[in-house]
């Protein structure tokens, strides 16, 4: 059985909800969902970006405000985080790894084997990304510590024989 695009998003949402529940002792509520495409992928002020390779290819972004990033990093480090220093950024990268790793396990159970790339952090205001050729869906995961905007842009890897 082939996975559909919504299966990709569902797998990442489920993994994010599980991991965030473990970290902040609260299950995120799924908020507004939007589709994005091409050069206009809107990101947040703090973004953890992970690539996906293998039978599926694409990118996943975990975007949030600086306050949300500090709260999540603090929960992971068991201490208050007042600035996004090297340790806090490392914790956020690990958050991306944990969620993406769990999601790839869910995707592999559906028949799609993939690997994740090391995370990248992008910070700043008015940040946009160009994910050409990839249609992405952003799902807001709302918690008391803030919102994580999960953007999933994944598609099956095309081979030379299947390209037109």
C-alpha atoms as a PDB file:
ATOM      1  CA  UNK A   1       0.000   0.000   0.000  1.00  0.00           C
ATOM      2  CA  UNK A   2       1.431   3.375  -0.992  1.00  0.00           C
ATOM      3  CA  UNK A   3       1.421   6.221   1.462  1.00  0.00           C
ATOM      4  CA  UNK A   4      -0.478   9.399   0.581  1.00  0.00           C
ATOM      5  CA  UNK A   5       0.720  12.953   1.273  1.00  0.00           C
ATOM      6  CA  UNK A   6      -1.580  13.216   4.278  1.00  0.00           C
ATOM      7  CA  UNK A   7       0.077  10.092   5.724  1.00  0.00           C
ATOM      8  CA  UNK A   8       3.384  11.983   5.731  1.00  0.00           C
ATOM      9  CA  UNK A   9       1.864  14.901   7.622  1.00  0.00           C
ATOM     10  CA  UNK A  10      -0.080  12.589   9.949  1.00  0.00           C
ATOM     11  CA  UNK A  11       3.104  10.668  10.843  1.00  0.00           C
ATOM     12  CA  UNK A  12       4.984  13.854  11.744  1.00  0.00           C
ATOM     13  CA  UNK A  13       2.018  15.266  13.682  1.00  0.00           C
ATOM     14  CA  UNK A  14       1.675  12.045  15.668  1.00  0.00           C
ATOM     15  CA  UNK A  15       5.418  11.936  16.418  1.00  0.00           C
ATOM     16  CA  UNK A  16       5.463  15.635  17.389  1.00  0.00           C
ATOM     17  CA  UNK A  17       2.467  15.200  19.679  1.00  0.00           C
ATOM     18  CA  UNK A  18       4.088  12.181  21.370  1.00  0.00           C
ATOM     19  CA  UNK A  19       7.494  13.799  21.888  1.00  0.00           C
ATOM     20  CA  UNK A  20       6.135  17.197  22.954  1.00  0.00           C
ATOM     21  CA  UNK A  21       3.785  15.477  25.418  1.00  0.00           C
ATOM     22  CA  UNK A  22       6.795  13.700  26.955  1.00  0.00           C
ATOM     23  CA  UNK A  23       8.770  16.951  27.204  1.00  0.00           C
ATOM     24  CA  UNK A  24       6.202  19.489  28.377  1.00  0.00           C
ATOM     25  CA  UNK A  25       3.642  17.086  29.918  1.00  0.00           C
ATOM     26  CA  UNK A  26       0.936  18.435  27.649  1.00  0.00           C
ATOM     27  CA  UNK A  27      -0.527  17.058  24.443  1.00  0.00           C
ATOM     28  CA  UNK A  28      -0.522  19.763  21.766  1.00  0.00           C
ATOM     29  CA  UNK A  29      -3.836  20.655  20.177  1.00  0.00           C
ATOM     30  CA  UNK A  30      -3.807  20.735  16.384  1.00  0.00           C
ATOM     31  CA  UNK A  31      -4.644  24.211  15.236  1.00  0.00           C
ATOM     32  CA  UNK A  32      -4.905  25.796  11.830  1.00  0.00           C
ATOM     33  CA  UNK A  33      -3.421  23.984   8.819  1.00  0.00           C
ATOM     34  CA  UNK A  34      -2.230  25.723   5.657  1.00  0.00           C
ATOM     35  CA  UNK A  35      -0.664  24.657   2.359  1.00  0.00           C
ATOM     36  CA  UNK A  36       2.470  26.347   1.049  1.00  0.00           C
ATOM     37  CA  UNK A  37       4.459  25.880  -2.145  1.00  0.00           C
ATOM     38  CA  UNK A  38       7.646  27.048  -3.852  1.00  0.00           C
ATOM     39  CA  UNK A  39       9.577  30.107  -2.750  1.00  0.00           C
ATOM     40  CA  UNK A  40       6.954  31.294  -0.314  1.00  0.00           C
ATOM     41  CA  UNK A  41       7.361  28.846   2.567  1.00  0.00           C
ATOM     42  CA  UNK A  42       6.853  31.073   5.601  1.00  0.00           C
ATOM     43  CA  UNK A  43       9.001  30.216   8.595  1.00  0.00           C
ATOM     44  CA  UNK A  44       8.936  31.426  12.188  1.00  0.00           C
ATOM     45  CA  UNK A  45      11.588  33.306  14.186  1.00  0.00           C
ATOM     46  CA  UNK A  46      13.240  30.064  15.395  1.00  0.00           C
ATOM     47  CA  UNK A  47      13.303  27.101  13.011  1.00  0.00           C
ATOM     48  CA  UNK A  48      14.724  23.606  13.214  1.00  0.00           C
ATOM     49  CA  UNK A  49      14.984  22.234   9.676  1.00  0.00           C
ATOM     50  CA  UNK A  50      15.528  18.536   8.957  1.00  0.00           C
ATOM     51  CA  UNK A  51      15.913  16.927   5.539  1.00  0.00           C
ATOM     52  CA  UNK A  52      14.509  13.571   4.534  1.00  0.00           C
ATOM     53  CA  UNK A  53      16.278  11.231   2.114  1.00  0.00           C
ATOM     54  CA  UNK A  54      15.636   7.728   0.803  1.00  0.00           C
ATOM     55  CA  UNK A  55      12.355   6.519  -0.661  1.00  0.00           C
ATOM     56  CA  UNK A  56      10.844   9.817   0.457  1.00  0.00           C
ATOM     57  CA  UNK A  57      12.536  13.184   0.068  1.00  0.00           C
ATOM     58  CA  UNK A  58      11.820  16.610   1.410  1.00  0.00           C
ATOM     59  CA  UNK A  59      12.111  18.877   4.399  1.00  0.00           C
ATOM     60  CA  UNK A  60      10.480  19.264   7.760  1.00  0.00           C
ATOM     61  CA  UNK A  61      10.506  22.483   9.741  1.00  0.00           C
ATOM     62  CA  UNK A  62       9.690  22.984  13.392  1.00  0.00           C
ATOM     63  CA  UNK A  63       9.081  26.730  13.703  1.00  0.00           C
ATOM     64  CA  UNK A  64       8.336  28.672  16.855  1.00  0.00           C
ATOM     65  CA  UNK A  65       8.723  31.977  18.627  1.00  0.00           C
ATOM     66  CA  UNK A  66      11.819  32.624  20.738  1.00  0.00           C
ATOM     67  CA  UNK A  67       9.695  32.355  23.908  1.00  0.00           C
ATOM     68  CA  UNK A  68       8.336  28.961  22.870  1.00  0.00           C
ATOM     69  CA  UNK A  69      11.831  27.806  21.894  1.00  0.00           C
ATOM     70  CA  UNK A  70      13.187  28.816  25.319  1.00  0.00           C
ATOM     71  CA  UNK A  71      10.323  27.069  27.130  1.00  0.00           C
ATOM     72  CA  UNK A  72      10.795  23.808  25.202  1.00  0.00           C
ATOM     73  CA  UNK A  73      14.592  23.905  25.510  1.00  0.00           C
ATOM     74  CA  UNK A  74      14.182  24.577  29.235  1.00  0.00           C
ATOM     75  CA  UNK A  75      11.876  21.588  29.629  1.00  0.00           C
ATOM     76  CA  UNK A  76      14.420  19.424  27.832  1.00  0.00           C
ATOM     77  CA  UNK A  77      17.323  20.715  29.940  1.00  0.00           C
ATOM     78  CA  UNK A  78      15.368  20.730  33.252  1.00  0.00           C
ATOM     79  CA  UNK A  79      16.276  24.364  33.856  1.00  0.00           C
ATOM     80  CA  UNK A  80      15.092  27.820  32.931  1.00  0.00           C
ATOM     81  CA  UNK A  81      16.464  29.072  29.619  1.00  0.00           C
ATOM     82  CA  UNK A  82      16.790  32.842  29.341  1.00  0.00           C
ATOM     83  CA  UNK A  83      18.598  32.963  25.993  1.00  0.00           C
ATOM     84  CA  UNK A  84      18.981  30.745  22.966  1.00  0.00           C
ATOM     85  CA  UNK A  85      22.613  29.898  23.558  1.00  0.00           C
ATOM     86  CA  UNK A  86      24.558  26.918  22.229  1.00  0.00           C
ATOM     87  CA  UNK A  87      23.042  24.483  24.742  1.00  0.00           C
ATOM     88  CA  UNK A  88      19.480  25.630  24.073  1.00  0.00           C
ATOM     89  CA  UNK A  89      20.017  25.389  20.313  1.00  0.00           C
ATOM     90  CA  UNK A  90      21.472  21.905  20.766  1.00  0.00           C
ATOM     91  CA  UNK A  91      18.350  20.895  22.717  1.00  0.00           C
ATOM     92  CA  UNK A  92      16.099  22.218  19.937  1.00  0.00           C
ATOM     93  CA  UNK A  93      18.110  20.301  17.345  1.00  0.00           C
ATOM     94  CA  UNK A  94      17.636  17.171  19.428  1.00  0.00           C
ATOM     95  CA  UNK A  95      13.892  17.895  19.534  1.00  0.00           C
ATOM     96  CA  UNK A  96      13.885  17.872  15.732  1.00  0.00           C
ATOM     97  CA  UNK A  97      15.876  14.623  15.681  1.00  0.00           C
ATOM     98  CA  UNK A  98      13.559  12.937  18.181  1.00  0.00           C
ATOM     99  CA  UNK A  99      10.370  13.877  16.341  1.00  0.00           C
ATOM    100  CA  UNK A 100      11.762  13.153  12.882  1.00  0.00           C
ATOM    101  CA  UNK A 101      13.242   9.834  13.985  1.00  0.00           C
ATOM    102  CA  UNK A 102       9.934   8.686  15.421  1.00  0.00           C
ATOM    103  CA  UNK A 103       8.082   9.871  12.307  1.00  0.00           C
ATOM    104  CA  UNK A 104      10.408   7.938   9.979  1.00  0.00           C
ATOM    105  CA  UNK A 105       9.674   4.802  12.007  1.00  0.00           C
ATOM    106  CA  UNK A 106       5.945   5.414  11.477  1.00  0.00           C
ATOM    107  CA  UNK A 107       6.527   6.022   7.756  1.00  0.00           C
ATOM    108  CA  UNK A 108       8.591   2.843   7.440  1.00  0.00           C
ATOM    109  CA  UNK A 109       5.700   0.882   8.963  1.00  0.00           C
ATOM    110  CA  UNK A 110       3.704   2.160   6.006  1.00  0.00           C
ATOM    111  CA  UNK A 111       6.356   0.924   3.588  1.00  0.00           C
ATOM    112  CA  UNK A 112       8.506   4.035   3.006  1.00  0.00           C
ATOM    113  CA  UNK A 113      12.109   3.750   4.215  1.00  0.00           C
ATOM    114  CA  UNK A 114      13.857   7.088   4.739  1.00  0.00           C
ATOM    115  CA  UNK A 115      16.644   8.709   6.724  1.00  0.00           C
ATOM    116  CA  UNK A 116      16.911  12.142   8.287  1.00  0.00           C
ATOM    117  CA  UNK A 117      19.702  14.646   7.788  1.00  0.00           C
ATOM    118  CA  UNK A 118      21.377  16.535  10.623  1.00  0.00           C
ATOM    119  CA  UNK A 119      19.255  19.484  11.774  1.00  0.00           C
ATOM    120  CA  UNK A 120      19.889  23.110  10.885  1.00  0.00           C
ATOM    121  CA  UNK A 121      18.740  26.111  12.878  1.00  0.00           C
ATOM    122  CA  UNK A 122      17.552  29.266  11.141  1.00  0.00           C
ATOM    123  CA  UNK A 123      16.624  32.282  13.250  1.00  0.00           C
ATOM    124  CA  UNK A 124      15.417  35.764  12.393  1.00  0.00           C
ATOM    125  CA  UNK A 125      12.314  37.747  11.630  1.00  0.00           C
ATOM    126  CA  UNK A 126      10.481  37.612   8.280  1.00  0.00           C
ATOM    127  CA  UNK A 127      12.159  34.342   7.283  1.00  0.00           C
ATOM    128  CA  UNK A 128      11.067  32.565   4.094  1.00  0.00           C
ATOM    129  CA  UNK A 129      12.336  29.367   2.523  1.00  0.00           C
ATOM    130  CA  UNK A 130      12.425  28.203  -1.080  1.00  0.00           C
ATOM    131  CA  UNK A 131      11.366  24.569  -1.235  1.00  0.00           C
ATOM    132  CA  UNK A 132      10.983  24.431  -5.008  1.00  0.00           C
ATOM    133  CA  UNK A 133       8.957  21.545  -6.341  1.00  0.00           C
ATOM    134  CA  UNK A 134       7.699  20.602  -2.894  1.00  0.00           C
ATOM    135  CA  UNK A 135       4.195  21.299  -1.673  1.00  0.00           C
ATOM    136  CA  UNK A 136       4.189  21.672   2.087  1.00  0.00           C
ATOM    137  CA  UNK A 137       1.544  21.620   4.767  1.00  0.00           C
ATOM    138  CA  UNK A 138       1.923  23.569   7.995  1.00  0.00           C
ATOM    139  CA  UNK A 139       0.056  22.435  11.093  1.00  0.00           C
ATOM    140  CA  UNK A 140      -0.032  24.556  14.238  1.00  0.00           C
ATOM    141  CA  UNK A 141       0.566  22.517  17.401  1.00  0.00           C
ATOM    142  CA  UNK A 142      -0.759  24.666  20.239  1.00  0.00           C
ATOM    143  CA  UNK A 143       0.416  24.285  23.846  1.00  0.00           C
ATOM    144  CA  UNK A 144       0.450  26.480  26.932  1.00  0.00           C
ATOM    145  CA  UNK A 145       4.165  27.228  26.286  1.00  0.00           C
ATOM    146  CA  UNK A 146       3.339  28.446  22.760  1.00  0.00           C
ATOM    147  CA  UNK A 147       2.820  27.092  19.274  1.00  0.00           C
ATOM    148  CA  UNK A 148       5.105  24.889  17.215  1.00  0.00           C
ATOM    149  CA  UNK A 149       4.411  25.322  13.513  1.00  0.00           C
ATOM    150  CA  UNK A 150       5.158  21.940  11.956  1.00  0.00           C
ATOM    151  CA  UNK A 151       5.789  22.259   8.216  1.00  0.00           C
ATOM    152  CA  UNK A 152       6.028  18.993   6.299  1.00  0.00           C
ATOM    153  CA  UNK A 153       7.134  19.032   2.676  1.00  0.00           C
ATOM    154  CA  UNK A 154       7.680  15.418   1.592  1.00  0.00           C
ATOM    155  CA  UNK A 155       7.222  13.557  -1.652  1.00  0.00           C
ATOM    156  CA  UNK A 156       8.201  10.158  -3.001  1.00  0.00           C
ATOM    157  CA  UNK A 157      11.657  10.061  -4.526  1.00  0.00           C
ATOM    158  CA  UNK A 158      11.380   9.917  -8.290  1.00  0.00           C
ATOM    159  CA  UNK A 159      13.674   7.730 -10.307  1.00  0.00           C
ATOM    160  CA  UNK A 160      14.928   8.366 -13.826  1.00  0.00           C
ATOM    161  CA  UNK A 161      12.522   5.718 -15.116  1.00  0.00           C
ATOM    162  CA  UNK A 162       9.478   7.447 -13.583  1.00  0.00           C
ATOM    163  CA  UNK A 163      10.317  11.049 -14.506  1.00  0.00           C
ATOM    164  CA  UNK A 164       8.462  12.566 -17.433  1.00  0.00           C
END
